[in-house]
Amino acid sequence: MRDMLPHARPGQSIGLLGGSFDPPHAGHVHVTREALKRFGLDRVWWLVSPGNPLKSRGPAPLERRMKAAREVMAHPKVEVTDIEARIGTRYTAETLQALQGLYPATRFVWLMGADNMAQFHLWDRWEWIQDNVPIGILARPGDRMAALNAPAARRGVSSRLRARNSEALARSPAPCWCFVNVPMRDISSSAIRARGDWG
């Protein structure tokens, strides 16, 4: 199993950006580059999800999304992975727990947009995620206030790392989260699909 998974050196800090990437686009690339810069990360792994088997209409085939992701995200510190398909997980908490077991000497940081922070309290075992993995949040247009007033933000108010100290996130023990404002590209996978550009 391990030889089918990405390599991580002991002590590395790796940001995890999960999603369907249906399709991947320049906004994902921009967020990834900003996360590398802002949060003191050694690498970022894209976790291209296999799709939700409970939904009648899933994303494009995993192989197609992986290929497109590798074409759009060309950076020596970024690896596009299908880890969740390989280890058989579907929920973020489940994936993170499995990765911590597989890579005990690696520090993982969960990355997400502010829009996800606003609804984070609806995720499966979100409190476990907040308590066990540092979280880096990158602001998207129009989502700042909703994210900072969300239940997860209120619950974690005492563990928030100020943006001016964001580079310390990767080395900070959980619970710890940091919210940074970055110039964002107003582009989304759903808009690309709606235009018919993805098929």
N, C-alpha and C. Protein backbone atom coordinates (compact mmCIF):
# COMPACT_ATOMS: atom_id res chain seq x y z
N MET A 1 0.84 -1.22 0.00
CA MET A 1 0.00 0.00 0.00
C MET A 1 0.87 1.26 0.00
N ARG A 2 1.89 1.31 0.89
CA ARG A 2 2.68 2.54 1.03
C ARG A 2 3.39 2.94 -0.26
N ASP A 3 3.81 1.95 -1.07
CA ASP A 3 4.52 2.29 -2.31
C ASP A 3 3.59 2.88 -3.37
N MET A 4 2.26 2.83 -3.11
CA MET A 4 1.30 3.43 -4.04
C MET A 4 0.90 4.84 -3.60
N LEU A 5 1.42 5.28 -2.46
CA LEU A 5 1.06 6.58 -1.90
C LEU A 5 2.22 7.56 -2.07
N PRO A 6 1.94 8.86 -1.99
CA PRO A 6 3.01 9.85 -2.14
C PRO A 6 4.06 9.74 -1.02
N HIS A 7 5.26 10.12 -1.34
CA HIS A 7 6.36 10.07 -0.37
C HIS A 7 6.37 11.35 0.46
N ALA A 8 6.64 11.19 1.75
CA ALA A 8 6.81 12.34 2.65
C ALA A 8 8.00 12.07 3.55
N ARG A 9 8.92 13.01 3.64
CA ARG A 9 10.06 12.85 4.53
C ARG A 9 9.65 13.14 5.97
N PRO A 10 10.25 12.47 6.94
CA PRO A 10 9.93 12.75 8.34
C PRO A 10 10.15 14.23 8.66
N GLY A 11 9.19 14.80 9.38
CA GLY A 11 9.30 16.20 9.80
C GLY A 11 8.73 17.18 8.81
N GLN A 12 8.35 16.74 7.62
CA GLN A 12 7.78 17.66 6.64
C GLN A 12 6.39 18.13 7.07
N SER A 13 6.05 19.35 6.66
CA SER A 13 4.70 19.89 6.85
C SER A 13 4.01 19.92 5.50
N ILE A 14 2.89 19.21 5.41
CA ILE A 14 2.21 19.06 4.13
C ILE A 14 0.78 19.58 4.24
N GLY A 15 0.44 20.51 3.37
CA GLY A 15 -0.92 21.02 3.30
C GLY A 15 -1.76 20.08 2.44
N LEU A 16 -3.00 19.88 2.85
CA LEU A 16 -3.91 18.99 2.13
C LEU A 16 -5.08 19.80 1.60
N LEU A 17 -5.23 19.82 0.29
CA LEU A 17 -6.35 20.52 -0.34
C LEU A 17 -7.24 19.47 -0.98
N GLY A 18 -8.41 19.25 -0.39
CA GLY A 18 -9.30 18.22 -0.88
C GLY A 18 -10.44 18.79 -1.71
N GLY A 19 -11.01 17.94 -2.54
CA GLY A 19 -12.15 18.36 -3.33
C GLY A 19 -12.36 17.46 -4.53
N SER A 20 -13.45 17.72 -5.24
CA SER A 20 -13.73 16.92 -6.43
C SER A 20 -12.89 17.38 -7.63
N PHE A 21 -12.46 18.66 -7.63
CA PHE A 21 -11.69 19.21 -8.75
C PHE A 21 -12.38 18.85 -10.07
N ASP A 22 -13.64 19.28 -10.16
CA ASP A 22 -14.50 18.87 -11.27
C ASP A 22 -15.05 20.08 -12.03
N PRO A 23 -14.20 20.79 -12.79
CA PRO A 23 -12.80 20.49 -13.10
C PRO A 23 -11.84 21.30 -12.23
N PRO A 24 -10.55 20.94 -12.27
CA PRO A 24 -9.53 21.79 -11.63
C PRO A 24 -9.35 23.06 -12.46
N HIS A 25 -8.98 24.16 -11.80
CA HIS A 25 -8.86 25.43 -12.53
C HIS A 25 -7.83 26.34 -11.88
N ALA A 26 -7.64 27.51 -12.49
CA ALA A 26 -6.62 28.46 -12.03
C ALA A 26 -6.85 28.92 -10.59
N GLY A 27 -8.09 28.93 -10.14
CA GLY A 27 -8.37 29.31 -8.75
C GLY A 27 -7.77 28.32 -7.77
N HIS A 28 -7.85 27.02 -8.07
CA HIS A 28 -7.22 26.01 -7.22
C HIS A 28 -5.70 26.21 -7.18
N VAL A 29 -5.13 26.51 -8.33
CA VAL A 29 -3.68 26.73 -8.42
C VAL A 29 -3.29 27.94 -7.58
N HIS A 30 -4.04 29.01 -7.69
CA HIS A 30 -3.75 30.24 -6.96
C HIS A 30 -3.81 30.00 -5.44
N VAL A 31 -4.86 29.33 -4.97
CA VAL A 31 -5.02 29.03 -3.55
C VAL A 31 -3.84 28.18 -3.06
N THR A 32 -3.42 27.22 -3.86
CA THR A 32 -2.32 26.33 -3.49
C THR A 32 -1.02 27.10 -3.34
N ARG A 33 -0.73 27.95 -4.31
CA ARG A 33 0.51 28.74 -4.23
C ARG A 33 0.49 29.69 -3.02
N GLU A 34 -0.66 30.29 -2.76
CA GLU A 34 -0.78 31.18 -1.59
C GLU A 34 -0.60 30.40 -0.29
N ALA A 35 -1.17 29.20 -0.22
CA ALA A 35 -1.04 28.38 0.98
C ALA A 35 0.42 28.02 1.25
N LEU A 36 1.15 27.65 0.20
CA LEU A 36 2.57 27.34 0.36
C LEU A 36 3.33 28.51 0.95
N LYS A 37 3.01 29.70 0.46
CA LYS A 37 3.68 30.92 0.91
C LYS A 37 3.27 31.31 2.32
N ARG A 38 1.97 31.30 2.58
CA ARG A 38 1.43 31.90 3.81
C ARG A 38 1.58 31.03 5.05
N PHE A 39 1.51 29.71 4.89
CA PHE A 39 1.40 28.84 6.06
C PHE A 39 2.67 28.06 6.40
N GLY A 40 3.78 28.37 5.76
CA GLY A 40 5.05 27.71 6.09
C GLY A 40 5.07 26.23 5.75
N LEU A 41 4.45 25.86 4.64
CA LEU A 41 4.35 24.46 4.25
C LEU A 41 5.55 24.02 3.40
N ASP A 42 5.94 22.77 3.54
CA ASP A 42 6.98 22.21 2.68
C ASP A 42 6.40 21.76 1.34
N ARG A 43 5.18 21.20 1.40
CA ARG A 43 4.53 20.70 0.20
C ARG A 43 3.03 20.83 0.35
N VAL A 44 2.32 20.68 -0.77
CA VAL A 44 0.86 20.57 -0.75
C VAL A 44 0.47 19.35 -1.58
N TRP A 45 -0.45 18.56 -1.03
CA TRP A 45 -1.04 17.46 -1.79
C TRP A 45 -2.47 17.81 -2.12
N TRP A 46 -2.83 17.66 -3.38
CA TRP A 46 -4.23 17.75 -3.77
C TRP A 46 -4.85 16.38 -3.55
N LEU A 47 -5.94 16.32 -2.81
CA LEU A 47 -6.67 15.08 -2.60
C LEU A 47 -7.89 15.09 -3.53
N VAL A 48 -7.73 14.53 -4.70
CA VAL A 48 -8.82 14.49 -5.67
C VAL A 48 -9.78 13.37 -5.25
N SER A 49 -10.97 13.74 -4.83
CA SER A 49 -11.89 12.76 -4.24
C SER A 49 -12.48 11.83 -5.30
N PRO A 50 -12.73 10.58 -4.91
CA PRO A 50 -13.31 9.64 -5.87
C PRO A 50 -14.76 9.93 -6.18
N GLY A 51 -15.43 10.76 -5.38
CA GLY A 51 -16.85 11.05 -5.60
C GLY A 51 -17.69 10.41 -4.52
N ASN A 52 -18.88 10.92 -4.34
CA ASN A 52 -19.77 10.43 -3.31
C ASN A 52 -20.70 9.36 -3.87
N PRO A 53 -20.57 8.11 -3.40
CA PRO A 53 -21.39 7.03 -3.95
C PRO A 53 -22.88 7.18 -3.62
N LEU A 54 -23.21 8.06 -2.68
CA LEU A 54 -24.60 8.26 -2.30
C LEU A 54 -25.33 9.24 -3.22
N LYS A 55 -24.55 9.95 -4.04
CA LYS A 55 -25.16 10.91 -4.97
C LYS A 55 -25.45 10.22 -6.30
N SER A 56 -26.64 10.50 -6.83
CA SER A 56 -27.02 9.86 -8.09
C SER A 56 -26.20 10.40 -9.25
N ARG A 57 -25.77 11.64 -9.12
CA ARG A 57 -24.99 12.24 -10.19
C ARG A 57 -23.62 12.65 -9.65
N GLY A 58 -22.62 11.88 -10.00
CA GLY A 58 -21.29 12.12 -9.47
C GLY A 58 -20.47 13.02 -10.37
N PRO A 59 -19.22 13.27 -9.96
CA PRO A 59 -18.32 14.08 -10.79
C PRO A 59 -17.83 13.30 -12.00
N ALA A 60 -17.06 13.95 -12.83
CA ALA A 60 -16.43 13.28 -13.98
C ALA A 60 -15.56 12.14 -13.46
N PRO A 61 -15.23 11.16 -14.31
CA PRO A 61 -14.40 10.04 -13.86
C PRO A 61 -13.10 10.52 -13.20
N LEU A 62 -12.68 9.80 -12.18
CA LEU A 62 -11.50 10.17 -11.41
C LEU A 62 -10.26 10.31 -12.30
N GLU A 63 -10.09 9.40 -13.24
CA GLU A 63 -8.91 9.43 -14.11
C GLU A 63 -8.87 10.73 -14.91
N ARG A 64 -10.03 11.18 -15.37
CA ARG A 64 -10.08 12.42 -16.15
C ARG A 64 -9.72 13.62 -15.28
N ARG A 65 -10.26 13.65 -14.06
CA ARG A 65 -9.98 14.77 -13.16
C ARG A 65 -8.52 14.78 -12.71
N MET A 66 -7.95 13.60 -12.48
CA MET A 66 -6.53 13.52 -12.11
C MET A 66 -5.65 14.05 -13.25
N LYS A 67 -5.95 13.63 -14.46
CA LYS A 67 -5.16 14.08 -15.62
C LYS A 67 -5.24 15.60 -15.77
N ALA A 68 -6.46 16.14 -15.68
CA ALA A 68 -6.64 17.59 -15.81
C ALA A 68 -5.94 18.32 -14.68
N ALA A 69 -5.99 17.78 -13.47
CA ALA A 69 -5.36 18.42 -12.32
C ALA A 69 -3.84 18.48 -12.50
N ARG A 70 -3.26 17.40 -13.01
CA ARG A 70 -1.81 17.38 -13.22
C ARG A 70 -1.39 18.35 -14.32
N GLU A 71 -2.28 18.57 -15.28
CA GLU A 71 -1.97 19.52 -16.36
C GLU A 71 -2.01 20.96 -15.86
N VAL A 72 -2.96 21.27 -14.98
CA VAL A 72 -3.12 22.65 -14.54
C VAL A 72 -2.21 23.01 -13.36
N MET A 73 -1.84 22.01 -12.53
CA MET A 73 -1.05 22.29 -11.34
C MET A 73 0.37 21.76 -11.49
N ALA A 74 1.19 22.53 -12.15
CA ALA A 74 2.59 22.15 -12.36
C ALA A 74 3.47 22.95 -11.41
N HIS A 75 3.87 22.34 -10.31
CA HIS A 75 4.70 23.02 -9.31
C HIS A 75 5.52 21.95 -8.60
N PRO A 76 6.82 22.19 -8.39
CA PRO A 76 7.67 21.15 -7.78
C PRO A 76 7.29 20.78 -6.36
N LYS A 77 6.54 21.64 -5.68
CA LYS A 77 6.16 21.35 -4.29
C LYS A 77 4.72 20.86 -4.14
N VAL A 78 4.07 20.58 -5.27
CA VAL A 78 2.67 20.15 -5.23
C VAL A 78 2.52 18.79 -5.90
N GLU A 79 1.79 17.91 -5.23
CA GLU A 79 1.53 16.58 -5.79
C GLU A 79 0.03 16.35 -5.87
N VAL A 80 -0.43 15.94 -7.04
CA VAL A 80 -1.84 15.60 -7.25
C VAL A 80 -2.01 14.12 -6.93
N THR A 81 -2.93 13.81 -6.01
CA THR A 81 -3.07 12.43 -5.54
C THR A 81 -4.52 11.95 -5.60
N ASP A 82 -4.67 10.63 -5.59
CA ASP A 82 -5.98 10.00 -5.45
C ASP A 82 -5.99 9.15 -4.18
N ILE A 83 -5.41 9.70 -3.12
CA ILE A 83 -5.23 8.98 -1.86
C ILE A 83 -6.54 8.38 -1.35
N GLU A 84 -7.61 9.15 -1.38
CA GLU A 84 -8.86 8.65 -0.81
C GLU A 84 -9.36 7.41 -1.55
N ALA A 85 -9.21 7.37 -2.86
CA ALA A 85 -9.59 6.18 -3.61
C ALA A 85 -8.70 5.00 -3.24
N ARG A 86 -7.43 5.26 -2.99
CA ARG A 86 -6.49 4.18 -2.70
C ARG A 86 -6.67 3.60 -1.30
N ILE A 87 -6.99 4.47 -0.32
CA ILE A 87 -7.12 3.96 1.05
C ILE A 87 -8.58 3.71 1.44
N GLY A 88 -9.50 4.07 0.54
CA GLY A 88 -10.91 3.73 0.75
C GLY A 88 -11.65 4.62 1.74
N THR A 89 -11.29 5.91 1.80
CA THR A 89 -12.00 6.83 2.69
C THR A 89 -12.86 7.79 1.88
N ARG A 90 -13.88 8.35 2.54
CA ARG A 90 -14.79 9.29 1.86
C ARG A 90 -14.92 10.60 2.63
N TYR A 91 -14.83 10.53 3.94
CA TYR A 91 -15.01 11.73 4.76
C TYR A 91 -13.65 12.29 5.18
N THR A 92 -13.57 13.60 5.31
CA THR A 92 -12.30 14.26 5.62
C THR A 92 -11.69 13.75 6.91
N ALA A 93 -12.49 13.63 7.97
CA ALA A 93 -11.95 13.16 9.26
C ALA A 93 -11.35 11.76 9.11
N GLU A 94 -12.04 10.92 8.39
CA GLU A 94 -11.58 9.55 8.15
C GLU A 94 -10.25 9.55 7.39
N THR A 95 -10.17 10.41 6.37
CA THR A 95 -8.94 10.52 5.58
C THR A 95 -7.78 11.02 6.43
N LEU A 96 -8.03 12.06 7.21
CA LEU A 96 -6.97 12.63 8.04
C LEU A 96 -6.46 11.64 9.08
N GLN A 97 -7.39 10.92 9.68
CA GLN A 97 -7.00 9.92 10.68
C GLN A 97 -6.14 8.83 10.04
N ALA A 98 -6.53 8.39 8.85
CA ALA A 98 -5.76 7.37 8.13
C ALA A 98 -4.37 7.90 7.77
N LEU A 99 -4.29 9.14 7.30
CA LEU A 99 -2.99 9.70 6.93
C LEU A 99 -2.08 9.86 8.13
N GLN A 100 -2.64 10.25 9.26
CA GLN A 100 -1.81 10.37 10.47
C GLN A 100 -1.24 9.02 10.88
N GLY A 101 -2.00 7.95 10.64
CA GLY A 101 -1.49 6.61 10.93
C GLY A 101 -0.43 6.15 9.93
N LEU A 102 -0.63 6.50 8.67
CA LEU A 102 0.31 6.10 7.62
C LEU A 102 1.60 6.92 7.64
N TYR A 103 1.50 8.17 8.08
CA TYR A 103 2.65 9.09 8.08
C TYR A 103 2.81 9.70 9.49
N PRO A 104 3.19 8.90 10.48
CA PRO A 104 3.24 9.41 11.85
C PRO A 104 4.28 10.51 12.08
N ALA A 105 5.29 10.62 11.22
CA ALA A 105 6.33 11.64 11.40
C ALA A 105 6.09 12.88 10.54
N THR A 106 4.91 12.97 9.92
CA THR A 106 4.58 14.09 9.04
C THR A 106 3.52 14.97 9.69
N ARG A 107 3.67 16.28 9.53
CA ARG A 107 2.67 17.22 10.03
C ARG A 107 1.75 17.60 8.88
N PHE A 108 0.46 17.38 9.07
CA PHE A 108 -0.53 17.73 8.04
C PHE A 108 -1.29 18.99 8.45
N VAL A 109 -1.61 19.82 7.47
CA VAL A 109 -2.42 21.02 7.66
C VAL A 109 -3.57 20.92 6.67
N TRP A 110 -4.80 21.04 7.17
CA TRP A 110 -5.96 21.01 6.28
C TRP A 110 -6.17 22.40 5.71
N LEU A 111 -6.34 22.49 4.40
CA LEU A 111 -6.52 23.77 3.71
C LEU A 111 -7.94 23.87 3.17
N MET A 112 -8.53 25.03 3.30
CA MET A 112 -9.86 25.22 2.72
C MET A 112 -10.15 26.70 2.51
N GLY A 113 -11.12 26.95 1.64
CA GLY A 113 -11.58 28.31 1.40
C GLY A 113 -12.52 28.75 2.51
N ALA A 114 -12.70 30.05 2.62
CA ALA A 114 -13.57 30.59 3.66
C ALA A 114 -15.01 30.13 3.49
N ASP A 115 -15.42 29.83 2.27
CA ASP A 115 -16.78 29.32 2.05
C ASP A 115 -16.99 27.98 2.75
N ASN A 116 -15.95 27.15 2.78
CA ASN A 116 -16.03 25.87 3.49
C ASN A 116 -16.04 26.07 5.00
N MET A 117 -15.31 27.06 5.48
CA MET A 117 -15.31 27.33 6.93
C MET A 117 -16.71 27.69 7.40
N ALA A 118 -17.44 28.41 6.58
CA ALA A 118 -18.79 28.85 6.96
C ALA A 118 -19.73 27.67 7.18
N GLN A 119 -19.47 26.55 6.51
CA GLN A 119 -20.34 25.37 6.67
C GLN A 119 -19.60 24.19 7.30
N PHE A 120 -18.44 24.44 7.86
CA PHE A 120 -17.59 23.39 8.40
C PHE A 120 -18.30 22.58 9.50
N HIS A 121 -19.15 23.26 10.26
CA HIS A 121 -19.86 22.58 11.36
C HIS A 121 -20.85 21.52 10.86
N LEU A 122 -21.08 21.46 9.56
CA LEU A 122 -21.97 20.45 8.99
C LEU A 122 -21.20 19.19 8.55
N TRP A 123 -19.88 19.28 8.59
CA TRP A 123 -19.05 18.15 8.15
C TRP A 123 -19.08 17.03 9.18
N ASP A 124 -18.88 15.80 8.72
CA ASP A 124 -18.79 14.66 9.60
C ASP A 124 -17.57 14.80 10.52
N ARG A 125 -17.79 14.70 11.83
CA ARG A 125 -16.72 14.76 12.85
C ARG A 125 -15.85 16.02 12.72
N TRP A 126 -16.49 17.14 12.46
CA TRP A 126 -15.75 18.39 12.27
C TRP A 126 -14.99 18.81 13.52
N GLU A 127 -15.54 18.52 14.70
CA GLU A 127 -14.85 18.91 15.93
C GLU A 127 -13.55 18.12 16.09
N TRP A 128 -13.57 16.85 15.67
CA TRP A 128 -12.34 16.05 15.72
C TRP A 128 -11.29 16.67 14.80
N ILE A 129 -11.69 17.06 13.61
CA ILE A 129 -10.75 17.69 12.68
C ILE A 129 -10.15 18.95 13.31
N GLN A 130 -11.01 19.79 13.86
CA GLN A 130 -10.56 21.05 14.45
C GLN A 130 -9.60 20.80 15.62
N ASP A 131 -9.82 19.74 16.36
CA ASP A 131 -8.99 19.46 17.54
C ASP A 131 -7.68 18.75 17.22
N ASN A 132 -7.58 18.14 16.04
CA ASN A 132 -6.44 17.27 15.77
C ASN A 132 -5.56 17.66 14.59
N VAL A 133 -6.00 18.63 13.79
CA VAL A 133 -5.21 19.03 12.61
C VAL A 133 -5.24 20.55 12.48
N PRO A 134 -4.08 21.22 12.37
CA PRO A 134 -4.11 22.66 12.09
C PRO A 134 -4.86 22.94 10.79
N ILE A 135 -5.56 24.07 10.74
CA ILE A 135 -6.40 24.39 9.58
C ILE A 135 -6.00 25.76 9.03
N GLY A 136 -5.71 25.81 7.75
CA GLY A 136 -5.41 27.06 7.07
C GLY A 136 -6.57 27.46 6.18
N ILE A 137 -7.11 28.65 6.41
CA ILE A 137 -8.28 29.11 5.67
C ILE A 137 -7.90 30.31 4.82
N LEU A 138 -8.24 30.24 3.54
CA LEU A 138 -7.94 31.33 2.61
C LEU A 138 -9.25 31.98 2.19
N ALA A 139 -9.32 33.30 2.33
CA ALA A 139 -10.56 34.03 2.07
C ALA A 139 -10.88 34.04 0.59
N ARG A 140 -12.16 33.83 0.31
CA ARG A 140 -12.68 33.97 -1.05
C ARG A 140 -13.61 35.18 -1.07
N PRO A 141 -13.86 35.75 -2.26
CA PRO A 141 -14.70 36.95 -2.34
C PRO A 141 -16.06 36.75 -1.67
N GLY A 142 -16.41 37.65 -0.76
CA GLY A 142 -17.73 37.65 -0.15
C GLY A 142 -17.96 36.67 0.97
N ASP A 143 -16.93 35.89 1.34
CA ASP A 143 -17.13 34.85 2.34
C ASP A 143 -16.48 35.15 3.68
N ARG A 144 -15.84 36.29 3.84
CA ARG A 144 -15.08 36.55 5.06
C ARG A 144 -15.95 36.57 6.31
N MET A 145 -17.02 37.37 6.31
CA MET A 145 -17.83 37.54 7.51
C MET A 145 -18.55 36.25 7.88
N ALA A 146 -19.10 35.56 6.90
CA ALA A 146 -19.81 34.30 7.19
C ALA A 146 -18.86 33.29 7.82
N ALA A 147 -17.62 33.24 7.34
CA ALA A 147 -16.65 32.29 7.88
C ALA A 147 -16.26 32.64 9.30
N LEU A 148 -15.99 33.91 9.55
CA LEU A 148 -15.51 34.32 10.87
C LEU A 148 -16.61 34.33 11.93
N ASN A 149 -17.85 34.26 11.51
CA ASN A 149 -18.97 34.16 12.45
C ASN A 149 -19.57 32.77 12.50
N ALA A 150 -18.96 31.83 11.82
CA ALA A 150 -19.47 30.46 11.76
C ALA A 150 -19.27 29.75 13.10
N PRO A 151 -20.07 28.71 13.37
CA PRO A 151 -19.92 27.96 14.62
C PRO A 151 -18.50 27.44 14.86
N ALA A 152 -17.82 26.99 13.81
CA ALA A 152 -16.46 26.47 13.99
C ALA A 152 -15.50 27.57 14.42
N ALA A 153 -15.68 28.77 13.87
CA ALA A 153 -14.83 29.90 14.26
C ALA A 153 -15.09 30.30 15.70
N ARG A 154 -16.35 30.30 16.09
CA ARG A 154 -16.69 30.65 17.48
C ARG A 154 -16.15 29.61 18.45
N ARG A 155 -16.28 28.35 18.08
CA ARG A 155 -15.78 27.28 18.95
C ARG A 155 -14.26 27.37 19.11
N GLY A 156 -13.57 27.75 18.03
CA GLY A 156 -12.11 27.77 18.06
C GLY A 156 -11.50 29.13 18.29
N VAL A 157 -12.26 30.05 18.88
CA VAL A 157 -11.77 31.42 19.02
C VAL A 157 -10.45 31.50 19.78
N SER A 158 -10.26 30.66 20.77
CA SER A 158 -9.04 30.72 21.58
C SER A 158 -7.84 30.07 20.89
N SER A 159 -8.08 29.33 19.82
CA SER A 159 -6.98 28.65 19.13
C SER A 159 -6.65 29.29 17.78
N ARG A 160 -7.17 30.49 17.56
CA ARG A 160 -6.91 31.17 16.29
C ARG A 160 -5.54 31.81 16.28
N LEU A 161 -4.79 31.55 15.22
CA LEU A 161 -3.49 32.17 15.00
C LEU A 161 -3.70 33.39 14.11
N ARG A 162 -3.22 34.52 14.52
CA ARG A 162 -3.42 35.75 13.75
C ARG A 162 -2.70 35.67 12.40
N ALA A 163 -3.27 36.35 11.43
CA ALA A 163 -2.75 36.28 10.06
C ALA A 163 -1.30 36.73 9.97
N ARG A 164 -0.92 37.67 10.79
CA ARG A 164 0.48 38.16 10.74
C ARG A 164 1.47 37.06 11.17
N ASN A 165 0.98 36.03 11.85
CA ASN A 165 1.83 34.91 12.27
C ASN A 165 1.54 33.63 11.47
N SER A 166 0.94 33.79 10.30
CA SER A 166 0.46 32.63 9.54
C SER A 166 1.54 31.61 9.21
N GLU A 167 2.79 32.06 9.05
CA GLU A 167 3.86 31.12 8.69
C GLU A 167 4.15 30.12 9.79
N ALA A 168 3.65 30.37 10.99
CA ALA A 168 3.86 29.45 12.11
C ALA A 168 2.83 28.33 12.14
N LEU A 169 1.81 28.40 11.28
CA LEU A 169 0.72 27.43 11.35
C LEU A 169 1.21 25.99 11.21
N ALA A 170 2.07 25.73 10.23
CA ALA A 170 2.50 24.36 9.96
C ALA A 170 3.25 23.74 11.14
N ARG A 171 3.82 24.56 12.02
CA ARG A 171 4.57 24.05 13.16
C ARG A 171 3.81 24.20 14.47
N SER A 172 2.57 24.63 14.40
CA SER A 172 1.77 24.84 15.60
C SER A 172 0.93 23.60 15.91
N PRO A 173 0.86 23.20 17.18
CA PRO A 173 0.05 22.03 17.52
C PRO A 173 -1.44 22.34 17.43
N ALA A 174 -2.21 21.36 17.03
CA ALA A 174 -3.67 21.51 17.01
C ALA A 174 -4.19 21.43 18.45
N PRO A 175 -5.30 22.12 18.72
CA PRO A 175 -6.11 22.91 17.78
C PRO A 175 -5.45 24.26 17.47
N CYS A 176 -5.42 24.57 16.19
CA CYS A 176 -4.88 25.84 15.74
C CYS A 176 -5.41 26.10 14.34
N TRP A 177 -5.88 27.32 14.09
CA TRP A 177 -6.34 27.66 12.75
C TRP A 177 -5.97 29.10 12.44
N CYS A 178 -5.83 29.36 11.17
CA CYS A 178 -5.43 30.70 10.73
C CYS A 178 -6.22 31.09 9.49
N PHE A 179 -6.73 32.31 9.52
CA PHE A 179 -7.54 32.85 8.43
C PHE A 179 -6.75 33.97 7.77
N VAL A 180 -6.47 33.84 6.49
CA VAL A 180 -5.73 34.88 5.79
C VAL A 180 -6.55 35.42 4.63
N ASN A 181 -6.48 36.71 4.44
CA ASN A 181 -7.09 37.36 3.29
C ASN A 181 -6.08 37.38 2.15
N VAL A 182 -6.46 36.85 1.02
CA VAL A 182 -5.57 36.85 -0.13
C VAL A 182 -6.34 37.33 -1.35
N PRO A 183 -5.68 37.95 -2.30
CA PRO A 183 -6.38 38.32 -3.54
C PRO A 183 -6.80 37.04 -4.24
N MET A 184 -8.10 36.89 -4.45
CA MET A 184 -8.63 35.63 -4.98
C MET A 184 -9.12 35.81 -6.42
N ARG A 185 -9.13 34.71 -7.13
CA ARG A 185 -9.67 34.70 -8.48
C ARG A 185 -11.11 34.22 -8.41
N ASP A 186 -11.99 35.02 -8.93
CA ASP A 186 -13.42 34.69 -8.85
C ASP A 186 -13.78 33.70 -9.95
N ILE A 187 -13.44 32.44 -9.70
CA ILE A 187 -13.69 31.37 -10.67
C ILE A 187 -14.09 30.14 -9.88
N SER A 188 -14.98 29.35 -10.42
CA SER A 188 -15.42 28.15 -9.71
C SER A 188 -15.64 27.01 -10.70
N SER A 189 -15.53 25.79 -10.17
CA SER A 189 -15.78 24.61 -11.00
C SER A 189 -17.21 24.58 -11.51
N SER A 190 -18.16 24.98 -10.64
CA SER A 190 -19.57 24.94 -11.05
C SER A 190 -19.84 25.91 -12.20
N ALA A 191 -19.17 27.09 -12.17
CA ALA A 191 -19.35 28.05 -13.26
C ALA A 191 -18.78 27.50 -14.57
N ILE A 192 -17.64 26.82 -14.46
CA ILE A 192 -17.03 26.23 -15.66
C ILE A 192 -17.95 25.15 -16.24
N ARG A 193 -18.53 24.32 -15.36
CA ARG A 193 -19.45 23.27 -15.83
C ARG A 193 -20.68 23.89 -16.45
N ALA A 194 -21.19 24.99 -15.84
CA ALA A 194 -22.41 25.63 -16.34
C ALA A 194 -22.19 26.21 -17.75
N ARG A 195 -20.96 26.66 -18.01
CA ARG A 195 -20.65 27.18 -19.34
C ARG A 195 -20.53 26.07 -20.38
N GLY A 196 -20.41 24.85 -19.90
CA GLY A 196 -20.26 23.72 -20.83
C GLY A 196 -18.82 23.48 -21.24
N ASP A 197 -17.87 24.13 -20.53
CA ASP A 197 -16.47 24.00 -20.92
C ASP A 197 -15.83 22.69 -20.46
N TRP A 198 -16.50 21.98 -19.59
CA TRP A 198 -15.94 20.75 -19.02
C TRP A 198 -16.62 19.51 -19.59
N GLY A 199 -17.82 19.67 -20.13
CA GLY A 199 -18.51 18.55 -20.74
C GLY A 199 -19.28 17.73 -19.72
